[in-house]
Protein backbone atom coordinates (compact mmCIF):
# COMPACT_ATOMS: atom_id res chain seq x y z
CA MET A 1 115.55 26.69 -81.89
CA ALA A 2 112.83 26.10 -79.35
CA SER A 3 109.69 24.29 -80.88
CA GLU A 4 106.30 26.12 -81.08
CA ARG A 5 105.35 25.04 -84.68
CA GLN A 6 101.90 25.48 -85.90
CA GLU A 7 100.58 21.99 -85.92
CA TYR A 8 98.82 20.72 -89.59
CA SER A 9 94.78 21.66 -87.93
CA GLU A 10 92.13 23.42 -88.77
CA GLU A 11 90.80 23.16 -85.29
CA SER A 12 93.47 25.90 -83.77
CA PRO A 13 92.79 28.92 -82.43
CA TRP A 14 95.92 30.07 -84.49
CA TRP A 15 95.37 28.19 -87.69
CA GLY A 16 93.32 31.42 -89.39
CA GLU A 17 96.41 33.85 -88.71
CA HIS A 18 98.66 31.06 -90.07
CA LEU A 19 96.49 30.66 -93.14
CA HIS A 20 96.34 33.99 -93.76
CA ARG A 21 100.26 35.04 -93.55
CA TYR A 22 100.58 32.52 -96.48
CA ASN A 23 97.84 33.96 -98.21
CA GLU A 24 98.98 37.26 -98.17
CA ALA A 25 102.90 35.70 -99.32
CA ALA A 26 101.26 34.26 -102.23
CA ASN A 27 99.85 37.96 -103.36
CA HIS A 28 103.66 38.74 -104.10
CA VAL A 29 104.87 35.04 -105.66
CA ARG A 30 105.14 35.39 -109.46
CA SER A 31 104.81 32.39 -111.94
CA ASN A 32 108.60 31.65 -112.10
CA ASP A 33 110.16 32.23 -108.63
CA CYS A 34 112.03 30.21 -106.60
CA ILE A 35 110.94 30.20 -103.24
CA LEU A 36 112.56 29.45 -99.85
CA ASP A 37 109.95 28.81 -96.84
CA ILE A 38 112.22 28.60 -94.15
CA ALA A 39 111.13 27.48 -90.65
CA CYS A 40 108.20 25.43 -92.72
CA GLY A 41 106.71 23.62 -89.60
CA ASN A 42 104.66 21.06 -91.12
CA GLY A 43 104.69 22.08 -94.62
CA PHE A 44 101.50 23.13 -95.72
CA GLY A 45 102.95 26.60 -96.09
CA SER A 46 105.61 25.60 -98.38
CA TYR A 47 103.08 23.28 -100.38
CA PHE A 48 100.60 26.39 -100.48
CA LEU A 49 103.40 28.26 -102.37
CA SER A 50 104.37 25.41 -104.63
CA ASN A 51 101.29 25.63 -106.19
CA LYS A 52 101.74 29.24 -106.48
CA THR A 53 104.84 28.82 -109.23
CA LYS A 54 106.21 26.63 -111.44
CA ASN A 55 109.95 26.99 -110.16
CA ASN A 56 111.10 25.26 -107.19
CA VAL A 57 110.20 25.86 -103.40
CA VAL A 58 112.61 24.73 -100.70
CA GLY A 59 111.03 24.14 -96.94
CA ALA A 60 113.27 23.90 -94.76
CA ASP A 61 113.23 23.57 -91.18
CA ILE A 62 115.97 22.37 -88.09
CA SER A 63 113.69 19.69 -86.98
CA GLU A 64 113.97 16.18 -89.09
CA GLU A 65 110.90 15.36 -87.15
CA ALA A 66 109.53 18.03 -89.26
CA ILE A 67 110.65 17.53 -92.13
CA ASN A 68 109.82 13.79 -92.29
CA PHE A 69 106.34 14.87 -91.37
CA CYS A 70 106.33 17.41 -94.44
CA LYS A 71 107.48 14.73 -96.75
CA LYS A 72 104.57 12.43 -95.80
CA GLU A 73 102.08 15.07 -95.99
CA PHE A 74 102.57 17.64 -98.13
CA GLN A 75 104.52 16.50 -101.82
CA ASN A 76 104.83 18.41 -105.41
CA ALA A 77 106.57 18.00 -108.53
CA ASN A 78 108.61 21.20 -107.57
CA LEU A 79 108.57 21.07 -104.13
CA LYS A 80 111.22 19.59 -101.79
CA TYR A 81 111.76 19.56 -97.87
CA ILE A 82 115.75 19.60 -96.02
CA ALA A 83 116.63 19.66 -92.45
CA ALA A 84 118.61 22.71 -91.69
CA ASP A 85 119.73 25.34 -89.54
CA GLY A 86 118.76 28.53 -90.90
CA THR A 87 121.93 29.99 -90.18
CA LYS A 88 123.81 27.81 -92.66
CA LEU A 89 122.06 26.81 -95.65
CA PRO A 90 123.12 24.82 -98.29
CA PHE A 91 122.56 27.35 -101.23
CA PRO A 92 124.81 29.20 -103.42
CA ASP A 93 124.70 33.32 -102.87
CA GLU A 94 121.39 34.82 -104.37
CA TYR A 95 119.42 32.11 -105.36
CA PHE A 96 116.16 32.94 -103.97
CA ASP A 97 113.11 35.10 -105.59
CA ILE A 98 111.32 34.68 -102.31
CA ILE A 99 112.31 33.89 -98.75
CA VAL A 100 109.47 33.44 -96.61
CA SER A 101 110.12 33.11 -92.59
CA PHE A 102 106.86 33.15 -90.05
CA GLU A 103 107.36 33.50 -86.39
CA THR A 104 110.79 32.49 -86.20
CA ILE A 105 113.57 34.45 -85.43
CA GLU A 106 111.86 35.23 -82.05
CA HIS A 107 112.98 31.61 -81.28
CA THR A 108 116.69 31.86 -81.84
CA LYS A 109 119.30 33.78 -80.47
CA LEU A 110 121.07 33.81 -83.34
CA TYR A 111 118.54 35.66 -85.29
CA LYS A 112 121.29 38.08 -86.80
CA GLU A 113 123.36 35.73 -88.18
CA MET A 114 120.27 33.69 -89.58
CA LEU A 115 119.01 37.45 -90.98
CA LYS A 116 122.56 37.73 -92.32
CA GLU A 117 122.38 34.15 -94.31
CA LEU A 118 118.81 34.77 -95.69
CA THR A 119 119.64 38.22 -97.05
CA ARG A 120 122.70 36.47 -98.82
CA LEU A 121 120.85 33.70 -100.49
CA LEU A 122 118.07 36.67 -101.72
CA LYS A 123 118.52 37.79 -104.96
CA SER A 124 119.20 41.61 -105.13
CA THR A 125 115.51 41.59 -106.88
CA GLY A 126 114.10 39.78 -104.57
CA ILE A 127 111.98 39.62 -101.29
CA LEU A 128 111.99 38.66 -97.72
CA ILE A 129 108.70 37.90 -96.00
CA LEU A 130 108.62 37.58 -92.26
CA SER A 131 106.20 37.95 -89.01
CA THR A 132 107.06 38.21 -85.65
CA PRO A 133 105.20 39.09 -82.40
CA ASN A 134 105.42 42.57 -81.43
CA LYS A 135 106.21 42.68 -77.58
CA LEU A 136 104.52 45.12 -76.60
CA ILE A 137 101.46 43.46 -77.11
CA SER A 138 102.90 39.81 -76.55
CA SER A 139 104.76 40.78 -73.99
CA PRO A 140 103.66 44.36 -72.26
CA THR A 141 105.00 44.08 -69.12
CA GLY A 142 108.41 43.58 -70.90
CA ILE A 143 109.40 40.07 -69.62
CA ILE A 144 108.95 37.82 -72.03
CA LYS A 145 105.58 35.19 -71.40
CA ASN A 146 106.33 32.89 -74.18
CA PRO A 147 108.71 30.04 -73.07
CA PHE A 148 109.88 29.49 -76.39
CA HIS A 149 110.76 32.53 -77.35
CA THR A 150 114.25 34.15 -76.67
CA GLN A 151 113.77 37.66 -77.78
CA GLU A 152 110.81 39.47 -79.02
CA PHE A 153 110.86 42.99 -80.80
CA ILE A 154 108.79 46.54 -80.73
CA TYR A 155 108.30 48.28 -83.89
CA ASP A 156 111.15 50.87 -84.26
CA GLU A 157 113.74 47.62 -82.85
CA LEU A 158 112.41 45.44 -86.13
CA HIS A 159 113.03 48.54 -88.02
CA GLU A 160 116.77 49.12 -87.20
CA ILE A 161 117.85 45.25 -87.30
CA LEU A 162 116.22 44.94 -90.94
CA LYS A 163 117.33 48.08 -91.81
CA GLU A 164 121.02 46.75 -91.93
CA HIS A 165 120.14 44.39 -94.89
CA PHE A 166 117.59 46.13 -96.67
CA GLY A 167 116.96 49.55 -98.17
CA ASN A 168 113.32 49.28 -98.34
CA ILE A 169 111.10 47.95 -95.35
CA GLN A 170 107.26 47.59 -95.01
CA ILE A 171 106.09 47.02 -91.52
CA LEU A 172 102.34 45.93 -91.40
CA GLY A 173 100.38 44.59 -88.55
CA GLN A 174 98.13 41.52 -88.56
CA LYS A 175 95.25 42.53 -87.51
CA TYR A 176 91.99 40.43 -85.89
CA ILE A 177 88.71 42.05 -87.49
CA ARG A 178 86.51 39.58 -86.86
CA TYR A 179 84.39 42.48 -84.76
CA LYS A 180 84.93 44.89 -86.80
CA GLU A 181 81.61 45.95 -87.35
CA LYS A 182 79.91 47.36 -84.66
CA SER A 183 76.48 44.88 -83.64
CA ILE A 184 74.55 43.92 -80.52
CA LYS A 185 75.62 40.41 -81.91
CA ASN A 186 79.02 40.85 -82.43
CA THR A 187 79.41 42.25 -78.89
CA ILE A 188 78.08 39.24 -77.92
CA ALA A 189 79.86 36.99 -79.57
CA LYS A 190 82.86 38.50 -78.68
CA LEU A 191 82.51 38.18 -74.95
CA PHE A 192 81.63 34.53 -75.54
CA GLU A 193 84.71 33.71 -77.42
CA THR A 194 86.84 35.58 -74.74
CA PHE A 195 84.96 33.16 -72.52
CA PHE A 196 85.71 30.35 -74.24
CA TYR A 197 89.26 30.93 -74.62
CA MET A 198 89.58 31.74 -70.66
CA ARG A 199 91.49 28.96 -68.63
CA GLY A 200 89.61 25.87 -67.57
CA PHE A 201 86.85 27.06 -69.96
CA ARG A 202 88.90 26.67 -72.85
CA LYS A 203 88.78 22.97 -72.65
CA LEU A 204 84.93 22.78 -73.06
CA PRO A 205 84.25 20.86 -76.22
CA LEU A 206 84.69 22.80 -79.47
CA LEU A 207 81.67 20.97 -80.92
CA PHE A 208 80.05 23.02 -78.20
CA GLN A 209 81.86 26.55 -78.36
CA ASN A 210 81.06 26.39 -82.53
CA LYS A 211 77.08 25.42 -81.81
CA VAL A 212 76.98 28.56 -79.13
CA ILE A 213 78.94 31.06 -81.81
CA ARG A 214 77.48 29.75 -84.74
CA LEU A 215 73.81 30.77 -83.06
CA ILE A 216 75.14 34.36 -83.10
CA ILE A 217 77.19 35.64 -85.62
CA GLY A 218 77.58 31.71 -88.15
CA LYS A 219 80.85 31.37 -87.06
CA ASP A 220 83.24 28.99 -85.48
CA GLN A 221 84.96 29.50 -82.01
CA TYR A 222 88.07 29.52 -83.69
CA PRO A 223 89.02 32.53 -86.36
CA SER A 224 89.01 31.61 -90.24
CA SER A 225 91.94 33.43 -92.68
CA ILE A 226 89.11 36.21 -93.48
CA ASP A 227 89.03 37.29 -89.80
CA TYR A 228 92.15 38.88 -90.30
CA GLU A 229 93.31 41.77 -92.69
CA MET A 230 97.11 44.08 -92.78
CA VAL A 231 96.75 47.36 -91.60
CA CYS A 232 99.65 49.96 -92.62
CA ASN A 233 98.77 52.66 -90.15
CA LYS A 234 101.97 52.93 -87.33
CA SER A 235 99.04 53.33 -84.52
CA ASP A 236 96.63 50.59 -86.03
CA ILE A 237 99.96 48.25 -86.03
CA LEU A 238 101.30 49.03 -82.83
CA LYS A 239 98.12 47.52 -81.91
CA CYS A 240 98.47 44.48 -83.58
CA LYS A 241 99.99 41.09 -82.02
CA THR A 242 101.93 40.33 -84.98
CA PHE A 243 104.20 42.20 -87.39
CA TYR A 244 104.45 41.09 -90.93
CA THR A 245 107.20 42.97 -93.00
CA ILE A 246 108.15 42.74 -96.62
CA CYS A 247 112.03 43.67 -96.98
CA SER A 248 113.21 44.42 -100.88
CA ASN A 249 116.13 46.31 -101.88
CA ARG A 250 118.70 43.89 -100.67
CA LYS A 251 121.88 45.71 -99.76
CA ASN A 252 124.79 44.20 -100.91
CA THR A 253 126.91 43.18 -97.89
CA LEU A 254 128.40 39.56 -99.41
């Protein structure tokens, strides 16, 4: 699996959407759920979820380097980390109540084997929560732009893949909503934001970028978690760059 891990830094264009996904996942956590965070990366998300349950949380990643960082930076009594391949995990059948996997299945050609393994580990009453890019937005020409991605999916493809393992599939879209309200200030701020993301201009000092955006709308250049929401209408979902799926009613394929 190629490396494209979210670094632990709030000064990142992607930190807000990263945190928003875990906030949404936490809404499904009950006080005694056993949780797996597969491809846990920097470990913040695993740590975040470990504070939502009294049961065990496992953060797993194929990278030893990532796991060493997790163990150093994010510890909790009910949290452990392991270096492991997502297609071969060292747990018995029906072990977890919730499995979370954000921005993972697009990174491995063995995504079908991985989904089969995650299904094996999930209790019959459990849920799988995963996110992955919307190919229509991330690679609109059909040619995958991201060198770390081995494949990407359109809505119907993703639904068909998940339908092999689950009876209930909800696909949502993670939508950027900072400029949802129409106003002159938002229009100007959005123009500056787009400008600062352009090649060359993105290297301008972040302190300067933040100062400009704050003067207009009182926010920093990079989005926070409150600048996102999940949408459920298919026409809206297809305009979002990220699919967020919640799968339950696991099929008995063991």
